[in-house]
């Protein structure tokens, strides 16, 4: 995945938003913090379990509009 600065630049999000997102992903065991880098888990079963969440989010965004990230 990369370090925090790479992720900040790659997503265009501010450091606080990236830090919050990474912390939430870590709490769900979807990413791991290794030294100065973040890595996506290799637990494919765990990753597959969140596929439904991604599809639901896309559906809600289609029906209700994209989330206002500034909020």
Protein backbone atom coordinates (compact mmCIF):
# COMPACT_ATOMS: atom_id res chain seq x y z
CA UNK A 1 0.00 0.00 0.00
CA UNK A 2 2.60 2.55 1.06
CA UNK A 3 3.31 5.03 3.79
CA UNK A 4 0.91 7.72 5.00
CA UNK A 5 2.38 10.44 2.76
CA UNK A 6 2.06 8.27 -0.36
CA UNK A 7 -1.54 7.52 0.51
CA UNK A 8 -2.30 11.21 1.21
CA UNK A 9 -0.91 12.20 -2.18
CA UNK A 10 -2.43 9.27 -4.04
CA UNK A 11 -5.94 9.87 -2.75
CA UNK A 12 -5.91 13.66 -2.61
CA UNK A 13 -7.27 13.48 0.95
CA UNK A 14 -5.82 15.36 3.89
CA UNK A 15 -3.63 13.61 6.42
CA UNK A 16 -6.33 13.47 9.11
CA UNK A 17 -8.84 11.75 6.81
CA UNK A 18 -6.25 9.20 5.71
CA UNK A 19 -5.19 8.51 9.29
CA UNK A 20 -8.81 8.00 10.38
CA UNK A 21 -9.56 5.69 7.45
CA UNK A 22 -6.43 3.62 8.03
CA UNK A 23 -7.21 3.30 11.74
CA UNK A 24 -10.73 2.07 10.96
CA UNK A 25 -9.41 -0.42 8.41
CA UNK A 26 -6.84 -1.63 10.95
CA UNK A 27 -9.57 -2.08 13.59
CA UNK A 28 -11.36 -4.34 11.09
CA UNK A 29 -8.12 -6.27 10.40
CA UNK A 30 -8.22 -5.23 6.73
CA UNK A 31 -4.82 -3.53 6.78
CA UNK A 32 -1.67 -3.97 8.83
CA UNK A 33 0.83 -1.35 9.92
CA UNK A 34 4.31 -2.68 9.24
CA UNK A 35 7.15 -0.40 10.33
CA UNK A 36 6.46 2.80 8.37
CA UNK A 37 4.21 1.19 5.76
CA UNK A 38 0.62 0.01 5.54
CA UNK A 39 -0.26 -3.27 3.85
CA UNK A 40 -3.57 -4.82 2.85
CA UNK A 41 -4.24 -8.02 4.75
CA UNK A 42 -3.68 -11.30 2.95
CA UNK A 43 -6.76 -12.81 4.63
CA UNK A 44 -8.90 -13.17 1.50
CA UNK A 45 -11.90 -14.47 3.45
CA UNK A 46 -11.90 -11.30 5.55
CA UNK A 47 -11.56 -9.10 2.47
CA UNK A 48 -14.37 -10.94 0.68
CA UNK A 49 -16.63 -10.29 3.65
CA UNK A 50 -16.41 -6.56 3.00
CA UNK A 51 -17.31 -6.87 -0.70
CA UNK A 52 -21.01 -6.53 0.13
CA UNK A 53 -20.30 -3.29 1.96
CA UNK A 54 -18.60 -1.89 -1.14
CA UNK A 55 -21.56 -2.87 -3.36
CA UNK A 56 -24.05 -1.38 -0.89
CA UNK A 57 -22.09 1.87 -0.72
CA UNK A 58 -22.03 2.10 -4.53
CA UNK A 59 -25.80 1.49 -4.66
CA UNK A 60 -26.50 4.16 -2.01
CA UNK A 61 -24.23 6.62 -3.80
CA UNK A 62 -26.07 5.94 -7.05
CA UNK A 63 -29.47 6.43 -5.43
CA UNK A 64 -28.67 9.23 -2.99
CA UNK A 65 -25.58 10.89 -4.42
CA UNK A 66 -21.97 10.68 -3.34
CA UNK A 67 -21.05 11.37 0.26
CA UNK A 68 -19.90 14.92 0.97
CA UNK A 69 -16.34 14.24 2.12
CA UNK A 70 -15.98 17.80 3.44
CA UNK A 71 -18.64 17.02 6.05
